[in-house]
Amino acid sequence: MLYDELYHHGIKGMHWGVRRYQNPDGTLTAAGRARYGRDVTRMKEKDFARQYNAANEHGRLSNVSKIDKLAKREFSKTKEYKDVETMSKHLEKMQDELHKQHGPNAQMVLTGLDALIYNDVVNRADKKLKEITKKHIDKAAEAALKDLDYDVTDAGKDYVKRLMLKYLGD
C-alpha cells in the first residue's frame, strides 16, 4: 500500500509559540544572551527587528525616543513643515466650504493643479524629514543598542544603521 501523505507533528518537547531566546518584552532570555552574546551583529535581521519592535511596544526605547523627539523638533522648524501645515489648513477650509454648499456627505477630490501642488509639498516634506533622520541616525543606532542592552561597537552601530536606512527606504 502506497501513501503519498507526509505528517509532521513538531519536535519532541517543543511547544508552539514558545521562544527560547526572547522574552515577550523584547529582552533576551539567558539562552538568548548565551547564543547572541552582547554583539548585535550576530543576530539575524528579522530577530533584531522583532526584538526592537517588541521593546518599542513595551516602551523600553527611551534613548531612541529622545533622538526621535529631537529630530521631530528640528523638522517642525523647517519651511517644508510649515508648507504642509499651510496646505492642510487650506484643504480644511475647502472641505468646510464644500460641506456648507453641498452638505456633510460631500466628498472633496483634488484634481489638476491642486493635486500637483499638494503632492509636491508632501514629497518635499518627506524628503526633508528623511534628511533630518539620516543626520541623527548615528545617535539613534547607538541609542537602540543601549536600550536593547547590547555592546555599543562600531560594527553594531553600522549594523543597526543599515537596518534603519533599509526601513527608511534607502
N, C-alpha and C. Protein backbone atom coordinates (compact mmCIF):
# COMPACT_ATOMS: atom_id res chain seq x y z
N MET A 1 0.84 -1.17 0.00
CA MET A 1 0.00 0.00 0.00
C MET A 1 0.89 1.25 0.00
N LEU A 2 0.62 2.20 -0.91
CA LEU A 2 1.40 3.43 -1.02
C LEU A 2 0.67 4.58 -0.35
N TYR A 3 1.45 5.39 0.34
CA TYR A 3 0.89 6.59 0.97
C TYR A 3 1.61 7.79 0.40
N ASP A 4 0.86 8.76 -0.06
CA ASP A 4 1.50 9.98 -0.54
C ASP A 4 1.13 11.16 0.36
N GLU A 5 1.17 10.90 1.66
CA GLU A 5 0.95 11.93 2.65
C GLU A 5 2.14 11.96 3.60
N LEU A 6 2.45 13.15 4.04
CA LEU A 6 3.56 13.30 4.97
C LEU A 6 3.02 14.00 6.21
N TYR A 7 3.29 13.42 7.35
CA TYR A 7 2.83 14.01 8.61
C TYR A 7 4.03 14.54 9.38
N HIS A 8 3.81 15.68 10.02
CA HIS A 8 4.86 16.23 10.88
C HIS A 8 4.18 16.82 12.10
N HIS A 9 4.57 16.37 13.26
CA HIS A 9 3.92 16.82 14.49
C HIS A 9 4.86 17.65 15.35
N GLY A 10 5.86 18.28 14.75
CA GLY A 10 6.78 19.13 15.50
C GLY A 10 7.95 18.34 16.05
N ILE A 11 8.67 18.97 16.91
CA ILE A 11 9.85 18.36 17.51
C ILE A 11 9.50 18.00 18.94
N LYS A 12 9.92 16.83 19.38
CA LYS A 12 9.61 16.34 20.71
C LYS A 12 10.07 17.36 21.76
N GLY A 13 9.15 17.73 22.64
CA GLY A 13 9.48 18.67 23.71
C GLY A 13 9.31 20.13 23.33
N MET A 14 9.04 20.39 22.05
CA MET A 14 8.89 21.78 21.61
C MET A 14 7.44 22.21 21.79
N HIS A 15 7.26 23.46 22.24
CA HIS A 15 5.92 23.99 22.47
C HIS A 15 5.63 25.08 21.45
N TRP A 16 4.38 25.11 20.97
CA TRP A 16 4.00 26.12 19.98
C TRP A 16 4.07 27.50 20.61
N GLY A 17 4.67 28.45 19.89
CA GLY A 17 4.69 29.84 20.31
C GLY A 17 5.67 30.16 21.41
N VAL A 18 6.47 29.20 21.85
CA VAL A 18 7.43 29.46 22.92
C VAL A 18 8.77 29.81 22.28
N ARG A 19 9.28 30.96 22.65
CA ARG A 19 10.58 31.38 22.11
C ARG A 19 11.65 31.10 23.14
N ARG A 20 12.73 30.51 22.69
CA ARG A 20 13.80 30.16 23.62
C ARG A 20 14.74 31.32 23.87
N TYR A 21 14.78 32.29 22.95
CA TYR A 21 15.82 33.31 23.02
C TYR A 21 15.31 34.70 23.39
N GLN A 22 14.00 34.90 23.41
CA GLN A 22 13.49 36.25 23.60
C GLN A 22 12.24 36.25 24.47
N ASN A 23 12.21 37.15 25.45
CA ASN A 23 11.04 37.34 26.30
C ASN A 23 10.00 38.16 25.54
N PRO A 24 8.74 38.16 26.00
CA PRO A 24 7.70 38.92 25.30
C PRO A 24 7.99 40.42 25.19
N ASP A 25 8.74 40.98 26.15
CA ASP A 25 9.02 42.42 26.09
C ASP A 25 10.23 42.75 25.23
N GLY A 26 10.81 41.75 24.54
CA GLY A 26 11.91 42.00 23.63
C GLY A 26 13.29 41.75 24.21
N THR A 27 13.39 41.58 25.52
CA THR A 27 14.70 41.31 26.11
C THR A 27 15.10 39.87 25.82
N LEU A 28 16.38 39.60 25.86
CA LEU A 28 16.86 38.25 25.60
C LEU A 28 16.78 37.40 26.87
N THR A 29 16.44 36.14 26.68
CA THR A 29 16.49 35.20 27.79
C THR A 29 17.95 34.83 28.05
N ALA A 30 18.19 34.04 29.07
CA ALA A 30 19.56 33.60 29.35
C ALA A 30 20.12 32.82 28.15
N ALA A 31 19.28 32.00 27.53
CA ALA A 31 19.72 31.25 26.34
C ALA A 31 20.01 32.20 25.19
N GLY A 32 19.22 33.26 25.06
CA GLY A 32 19.45 34.25 24.01
C GLY A 32 20.75 34.99 24.21
N ARG A 33 21.04 35.37 25.47
CA ARG A 33 22.32 36.05 25.74
C ARG A 33 23.49 35.12 25.47
N ALA A 34 23.30 33.84 25.78
CA ALA A 34 24.37 32.89 25.52
C ALA A 34 24.57 32.70 24.01
N ARG A 35 23.47 32.69 23.27
CA ARG A 35 23.57 32.49 21.82
C ARG A 35 24.12 33.72 21.11
N TYR A 36 23.55 34.89 21.41
CA TYR A 36 23.94 36.10 20.70
C TYR A 36 25.03 36.89 21.41
N GLY A 37 25.21 36.62 22.70
CA GLY A 37 26.14 37.43 23.46
C GLY A 37 25.58 38.84 23.53
N ARG A 38 26.46 39.81 23.59
CA ARG A 38 26.00 41.20 23.60
C ARG A 38 26.38 41.86 22.28
N ASP A 39 26.66 41.04 21.27
CA ASP A 39 27.06 41.55 19.95
C ASP A 39 25.87 41.43 19.00
N VAL A 40 25.27 42.56 18.66
CA VAL A 40 24.07 42.58 17.84
C VAL A 40 24.33 42.06 16.43
N THR A 41 25.55 42.16 15.95
CA THR A 41 25.85 41.75 14.57
C THR A 41 25.70 40.25 14.36
N ARG A 42 25.60 39.49 15.44
CA ARG A 42 25.43 38.04 15.31
C ARG A 42 23.97 37.65 15.12
N MET A 43 23.07 38.62 15.26
CA MET A 43 21.64 38.34 15.12
C MET A 43 21.20 38.43 13.66
N LYS A 44 20.18 37.69 13.32
CA LYS A 44 19.55 37.83 12.02
C LYS A 44 18.72 39.11 12.03
N GLU A 45 18.56 39.71 10.86
CA GLU A 45 17.80 40.96 10.76
C GLU A 45 16.40 40.82 11.33
N LYS A 46 15.72 39.75 10.99
CA LYS A 46 14.33 39.61 11.43
C LYS A 46 14.26 39.44 12.95
N ASP A 47 15.27 38.78 13.55
CA ASP A 47 15.28 38.63 15.01
C ASP A 47 15.51 39.97 15.69
N PHE A 48 16.42 40.78 15.13
CA PHE A 48 16.65 42.10 15.70
C PHE A 48 15.42 42.97 15.55
N ALA A 49 14.80 42.93 14.36
CA ALA A 49 13.60 43.74 14.12
C ALA A 49 12.48 43.34 15.07
N ARG A 50 12.32 42.03 15.29
CA ARG A 50 11.29 41.54 16.22
C ARG A 50 11.57 42.04 17.63
N GLN A 51 12.84 41.97 18.04
CA GLN A 51 13.21 42.41 19.38
C GLN A 51 13.01 43.92 19.52
N TYR A 52 13.41 44.68 18.51
CA TYR A 52 13.26 46.14 18.53
C TYR A 52 11.78 46.52 18.62
N ASN A 53 10.94 45.88 17.80
CA ASN A 53 9.51 46.19 17.79
C ASN A 53 8.84 45.83 19.11
N ALA A 54 9.22 44.68 19.68
CA ALA A 54 8.64 44.28 20.97
C ALA A 54 9.05 45.27 22.07
N ALA A 55 10.30 45.69 22.06
CA ALA A 55 10.76 46.67 23.05
C ALA A 55 10.04 48.00 22.86
N ASN A 56 9.80 48.37 21.61
CA ASN A 56 9.10 49.62 21.32
C ASN A 56 7.66 49.56 21.83
N GLU A 57 6.99 48.42 21.62
CA GLU A 57 5.61 48.26 22.09
C GLU A 57 5.52 48.35 23.61
N HIS A 58 6.56 47.90 24.31
CA HIS A 58 6.56 47.90 25.77
C HIS A 58 7.20 49.18 26.34
N GLY A 59 7.49 50.15 25.48
CA GLY A 59 8.02 51.43 25.94
C GLY A 59 9.43 51.38 26.50
N ARG A 60 10.25 50.45 26.00
CA ARG A 60 11.61 50.29 26.53
C ARG A 60 12.67 51.00 25.70
N LEU A 61 12.28 51.83 24.73
CA LEU A 61 13.25 52.51 23.88
C LEU A 61 13.35 53.99 24.24
N SER A 62 13.66 54.28 25.50
CA SER A 62 13.66 55.66 25.96
C SER A 62 14.75 56.49 25.28
N ASN A 63 15.93 55.93 25.06
CA ASN A 63 17.01 56.68 24.40
C ASN A 63 16.66 56.97 22.94
N VAL A 64 16.06 55.99 22.26
CA VAL A 64 15.65 56.18 20.87
C VAL A 64 14.55 57.24 20.80
N SER A 65 13.64 57.24 21.77
CA SER A 65 12.56 58.22 21.80
C SER A 65 13.10 59.65 21.91
N LYS A 66 14.16 59.82 22.70
CA LYS A 66 14.76 61.15 22.84
C LYS A 66 15.31 61.65 21.51
N ILE A 67 15.99 60.77 20.77
CA ILE A 67 16.55 61.13 19.47
C ILE A 67 15.42 61.43 18.49
N ASP A 68 14.35 60.63 18.54
CA ASP A 68 13.20 60.83 17.67
C ASP A 68 12.55 62.19 17.93
N LYS A 69 12.39 62.55 19.20
CA LYS A 69 11.80 63.85 19.55
C LYS A 69 12.69 64.99 19.07
N LEU A 70 14.00 64.81 19.19
CA LEU A 70 14.94 65.82 18.73
C LEU A 70 14.80 66.06 17.22
N ALA A 71 14.71 64.96 16.46
CA ALA A 71 14.56 65.07 15.00
C ALA A 71 13.22 65.70 14.64
N LYS A 72 12.15 65.32 15.34
CA LYS A 72 10.83 65.91 15.05
C LYS A 72 10.80 67.40 15.38
N ARG A 73 11.46 67.78 16.47
CA ARG A 73 11.52 69.19 16.84
C ARG A 73 12.26 69.99 15.77
N GLU A 74 13.36 69.41 15.29
CA GLU A 74 14.13 70.07 14.23
C GLU A 74 13.30 70.19 12.96
N PHE A 75 12.55 69.13 12.61
CA PHE A 75 11.72 69.14 11.41
C PHE A 75 10.60 70.19 11.53
N SER A 76 10.04 70.35 12.73
CA SER A 76 8.93 71.29 12.91
C SER A 76 9.35 72.74 12.69
N LYS A 77 10.64 73.01 12.65
CA LYS A 77 11.14 74.37 12.42
C LYS A 77 11.47 74.64 10.95
N THR A 78 11.28 73.64 10.09
CA THR A 78 11.66 73.78 8.68
C THR A 78 10.54 74.42 7.86
N LYS A 79 10.93 74.95 6.72
CA LYS A 79 9.98 75.55 5.77
C LYS A 79 9.02 74.47 5.25
N GLU A 80 9.53 73.27 5.00
CA GLU A 80 8.69 72.19 4.46
C GLU A 80 7.55 71.84 5.41
N TYR A 81 7.86 71.81 6.71
CA TYR A 81 6.83 71.52 7.71
C TYR A 81 5.75 72.61 7.70
N LYS A 82 6.19 73.85 7.64
CA LYS A 82 5.25 74.98 7.61
C LYS A 82 4.39 74.95 6.35
N ASP A 83 4.99 74.54 5.23
CA ASP A 83 4.23 74.42 3.98
C ASP A 83 3.13 73.36 4.09
N VAL A 84 3.45 72.23 4.73
CA VAL A 84 2.45 71.17 4.91
C VAL A 84 1.32 71.67 5.81
N GLU A 85 1.67 72.38 6.88
CA GLU A 85 0.64 72.94 7.77
C GLU A 85 -0.26 73.91 7.01
N THR A 86 0.34 74.79 6.22
CA THR A 86 -0.44 75.76 5.44
C THR A 86 -1.37 75.04 4.47
N MET A 87 -0.84 74.03 3.79
CA MET A 87 -1.65 73.26 2.83
C MET A 87 -2.80 72.54 3.55
N SER A 88 -2.53 71.99 4.72
CA SER A 88 -3.58 71.30 5.48
C SER A 88 -4.69 72.26 5.88
N LYS A 89 -4.32 73.46 6.33
CA LYS A 89 -5.33 74.46 6.69
C LYS A 89 -6.15 74.87 5.48
N HIS A 90 -5.48 75.02 4.33
CA HIS A 90 -6.16 75.38 3.09
C HIS A 90 -7.17 74.29 2.70
N LEU A 91 -6.75 73.03 2.82
CA LEU A 91 -7.65 71.92 2.47
C LEU A 91 -8.84 71.85 3.43
N GLU A 92 -8.61 72.14 4.72
CA GLU A 92 -9.71 72.15 5.68
C GLU A 92 -10.74 73.22 5.33
N LYS A 93 -10.26 74.41 4.93
CA LYS A 93 -11.18 75.48 4.53
C LYS A 93 -11.99 75.06 3.31
N MET A 94 -11.31 74.43 2.34
CA MET A 94 -12.01 73.97 1.14
C MET A 94 -13.07 72.94 1.50
N GLN A 95 -12.73 72.04 2.41
CA GLN A 95 -13.66 70.99 2.84
C GLN A 95 -14.87 71.62 3.55
N ASP A 96 -14.62 72.60 4.42
CA ASP A 96 -15.72 73.28 5.13
C ASP A 96 -16.66 73.98 4.15
N GLU A 97 -16.09 74.68 3.17
CA GLU A 97 -16.91 75.37 2.16
C GLU A 97 -17.74 74.37 1.36
N LEU A 98 -17.15 73.27 1.02
CA LEU A 98 -17.84 72.22 0.28
C LEU A 98 -19.02 71.69 1.08
N HIS A 99 -18.79 71.46 2.40
CA HIS A 99 -19.86 70.94 3.25
C HIS A 99 -20.98 71.96 3.42
N LYS A 100 -20.63 73.25 3.47
CA LYS A 100 -21.66 74.29 3.58
C LYS A 100 -22.54 74.33 2.34
N GLN A 101 -21.90 74.15 1.18
CA GLN A 101 -22.64 74.26 -0.09
C GLN A 101 -23.41 72.99 -0.43
N HIS A 102 -22.80 71.82 -0.13
CA HIS A 102 -23.39 70.57 -0.63
C HIS A 102 -23.75 69.56 0.46
N GLY A 103 -23.62 69.92 1.71
CA GLY A 103 -23.98 69.02 2.80
C GLY A 103 -22.80 68.24 3.33
N PRO A 104 -23.00 67.60 4.50
CA PRO A 104 -21.89 66.94 5.19
C PRO A 104 -21.35 65.68 4.51
N ASN A 105 -22.11 65.11 3.59
CA ASN A 105 -21.66 63.88 2.92
C ASN A 105 -20.86 64.14 1.64
N ALA A 106 -20.67 65.41 1.29
CA ALA A 106 -19.96 65.74 0.06
C ALA A 106 -18.49 65.35 0.18
N GLN A 107 -17.96 64.77 -0.88
CA GLN A 107 -16.56 64.34 -0.93
C GLN A 107 -15.73 65.33 -1.72
N MET A 108 -14.56 65.66 -1.20
CA MET A 108 -13.68 66.59 -1.92
C MET A 108 -12.66 65.76 -2.71
N VAL A 109 -12.47 66.12 -3.96
CA VAL A 109 -11.50 65.45 -4.82
C VAL A 109 -10.53 66.50 -5.35
N LEU A 110 -9.26 66.28 -5.12
CA LEU A 110 -8.26 67.21 -5.65
C LEU A 110 -7.92 66.82 -7.08
N THR A 111 -7.95 67.77 -7.95
CA THR A 111 -7.60 67.50 -9.34
C THR A 111 -6.67 68.57 -9.85
N GLY A 112 -6.02 68.28 -10.93
CA GLY A 112 -5.20 69.27 -11.63
C GLY A 112 -4.12 69.89 -10.79
N LEU A 113 -4.08 71.19 -10.81
CA LEU A 113 -3.03 71.95 -10.17
C LEU A 113 -3.00 71.76 -8.65
N ASP A 114 -4.18 71.71 -8.01
CA ASP A 114 -4.23 71.49 -6.56
C ASP A 114 -3.55 70.18 -6.17
N ALA A 115 -3.85 69.12 -6.92
CA ALA A 115 -3.26 67.82 -6.62
C ALA A 115 -1.75 67.84 -6.82
N LEU A 116 -1.28 68.48 -7.90
CA LEU A 116 0.16 68.57 -8.14
C LEU A 116 0.87 69.34 -7.04
N ILE A 117 0.29 70.46 -6.64
CA ILE A 117 0.89 71.27 -5.58
C ILE A 117 0.93 70.49 -4.27
N TYR A 118 -0.18 69.86 -3.92
CA TYR A 118 -0.25 69.09 -2.68
C TYR A 118 0.79 67.97 -2.67
N ASN A 119 0.88 67.22 -3.76
CA ASN A 119 1.86 66.13 -3.85
C ASN A 119 3.29 66.66 -3.75
N ASP A 120 3.55 67.78 -4.38
CA ASP A 120 4.89 68.37 -4.33
C ASP A 120 5.25 68.78 -2.90
N VAL A 121 4.32 69.41 -2.21
CA VAL A 121 4.57 69.85 -0.82
C VAL A 121 4.83 68.65 0.08
N VAL A 122 4.02 67.62 -0.04
CA VAL A 122 4.18 66.42 0.78
C VAL A 122 5.49 65.71 0.47
N ASN A 123 5.83 65.59 -0.81
CA ASN A 123 7.09 64.93 -1.19
C ASN A 123 8.31 65.68 -0.67
N ARG A 124 8.29 67.02 -0.75
CA ARG A 124 9.41 67.81 -0.24
C ARG A 124 9.53 67.66 1.28
N ALA A 125 8.40 67.63 1.97
CA ALA A 125 8.41 67.46 3.43
C ALA A 125 8.95 66.08 3.80
N ASP A 126 8.53 65.06 3.07
CA ASP A 126 9.01 63.69 3.32
C ASP A 126 10.52 63.60 3.10
N LYS A 127 10.99 64.22 2.04
CA LYS A 127 12.42 64.22 1.74
C LYS A 127 13.22 64.92 2.85
N LYS A 128 12.69 66.05 3.32
CA LYS A 128 13.37 66.81 4.38
C LYS A 128 13.39 66.01 5.68
N LEU A 129 12.30 65.34 6.01
CA LEU A 129 12.24 64.52 7.22
C LEU A 129 13.25 63.38 7.17
N LYS A 130 13.36 62.73 6.01
CA LYS A 130 14.36 61.65 5.85
C LYS A 130 15.77 62.20 5.99
N GLU A 131 16.01 63.38 5.44
CA GLU A 131 17.32 64.02 5.54
C GLU A 131 17.69 64.28 7.01
N ILE A 132 16.75 64.80 7.77
CA ILE A 132 16.98 65.07 9.20
C ILE A 132 17.19 63.76 9.96
N THR A 133 16.40 62.77 9.63
CA THR A 133 16.53 61.47 10.29
C THR A 133 17.90 60.87 10.03
N LYS A 134 18.37 60.95 8.79
CA LYS A 134 19.70 60.43 8.47
C LYS A 134 20.78 61.15 9.25
N LYS A 135 20.57 62.45 9.47
CA LYS A 135 21.54 63.24 10.21
C LYS A 135 21.67 62.72 11.65
N HIS A 136 20.58 62.22 12.20
CA HIS A 136 20.56 61.76 13.59
C HIS A 136 20.69 60.24 13.70
N ILE A 137 20.94 59.56 12.60
CA ILE A 137 20.89 58.09 12.62
C ILE A 137 22.02 57.47 13.44
N ASP A 138 23.19 58.11 13.47
CA ASP A 138 24.28 57.59 14.31
C ASP A 138 23.87 57.55 15.77
N LYS A 139 23.28 58.65 16.23
CA LYS A 139 22.83 58.72 17.62
C LYS A 139 21.71 57.71 17.88
N ALA A 140 20.80 57.57 16.91
CA ALA A 140 19.67 56.65 17.07
C ALA A 140 20.15 55.20 17.13
N ALA A 141 21.14 54.84 16.31
CA ALA A 141 21.67 53.47 16.32
C ALA A 141 22.32 53.18 17.67
N GLU A 142 23.11 54.12 18.15
CA GLU A 142 23.76 53.94 19.45
C GLU A 142 22.72 53.84 20.56
N ALA A 143 21.69 54.68 20.49
CA ALA A 143 20.62 54.65 21.49
C ALA A 143 19.88 53.32 21.48
N ALA A 144 19.63 52.77 20.28
CA ALA A 144 18.93 51.49 20.18
C ALA A 144 19.77 50.38 20.82
N LEU A 145 21.07 50.39 20.57
CA LEU A 145 21.94 49.37 21.18
C LEU A 145 21.91 49.47 22.70
N LYS A 146 21.94 50.69 23.22
CA LYS A 146 21.89 50.87 24.68
C LYS A 146 20.55 50.42 25.24
N ASP A 147 19.45 50.82 24.57
CA ASP A 147 18.12 50.44 25.05
C ASP A 147 17.91 48.94 25.06
N LEU A 148 18.50 48.24 24.10
CA LEU A 148 18.32 46.80 23.98
C LEU A 148 19.43 46.03 24.69
N ASP A 149 20.28 46.75 25.40
CA ASP A 149 21.33 46.16 26.24
C ASP A 149 22.36 45.37 25.43
N TYR A 150 22.80 45.95 24.32
CA TYR A 150 23.88 45.36 23.54
C TYR A 150 25.14 46.21 23.70
N ASP A 151 26.28 45.61 23.42
CA ASP A 151 27.53 46.37 23.43
C ASP A 151 27.47 47.42 22.32
N VAL A 152 27.90 48.63 22.63
CA VAL A 152 27.93 49.69 21.63
C VAL A 152 29.30 49.64 20.95
N THR A 153 29.33 49.04 19.77
CA THR A 153 30.56 48.94 18.99
C THR A 153 30.32 49.59 17.64
N ASP A 154 31.41 49.88 16.93
CA ASP A 154 31.26 50.46 15.59
C ASP A 154 30.53 49.49 14.67
N ALA A 155 30.87 48.20 14.76
CA ALA A 155 30.21 47.20 13.92
C ALA A 155 28.73 47.12 14.25
N GLY A 156 28.40 47.16 15.54
CA GLY A 156 27.00 47.11 15.96
C GLY A 156 26.22 48.33 15.47
N LYS A 157 26.83 49.52 15.59
CA LYS A 157 26.17 50.75 15.12
C LYS A 157 25.96 50.69 13.61
N ASP A 158 26.97 50.22 12.88
CA ASP A 158 26.83 50.11 11.42
C ASP A 158 25.70 49.16 11.04
N TYR A 159 25.61 48.04 11.76
CA TYR A 159 24.57 47.04 11.51
C TYR A 159 23.18 47.66 11.73
N VAL A 160 23.01 48.34 12.86
CA VAL A 160 21.70 48.93 13.18
C VAL A 160 21.38 50.08 12.22
N LYS A 161 22.38 50.89 11.88
CA LYS A 161 22.16 51.98 10.91
C LYS A 161 21.70 51.42 9.57
N ARG A 162 22.33 50.33 9.13
CA ARG A 162 21.94 49.72 7.86
C ARG A 162 20.48 49.27 7.90
N LEU A 163 20.06 48.68 9.03
CA LEU A 163 18.66 48.24 9.16
C LEU A 163 17.72 49.44 9.19
N MET A 164 18.12 50.51 9.87
CA MET A 164 17.28 51.71 9.93
C MET A 164 17.14 52.36 8.56
N LEU A 165 18.24 52.42 7.83
CA LEU A 165 18.20 53.00 6.48
C LEU A 165 17.35 52.15 5.54
N LYS A 166 17.43 50.84 5.73
CA LYS A 166 16.60 49.93 4.93
C LYS A 166 15.13 50.20 5.21
N TYR A 167 14.81 50.44 6.48
CA TYR A 167 13.44 50.76 6.86
C TYR A 167 12.98 52.08 6.25
N LEU A 168 13.89 53.06 6.17
CA LEU A 168 13.55 54.36 5.59
C LEU A 168 13.38 54.28 4.08
N GLY A 169 13.84 53.19 3.48
CA GLY A 169 13.67 53.03 2.04
C GLY A 169 14.86 53.51 1.23
N ASP A 170 16.04 53.56 1.84
CA ASP A 170 17.24 53.98 1.11
C ASP A 170 18.25 52.87 1.05
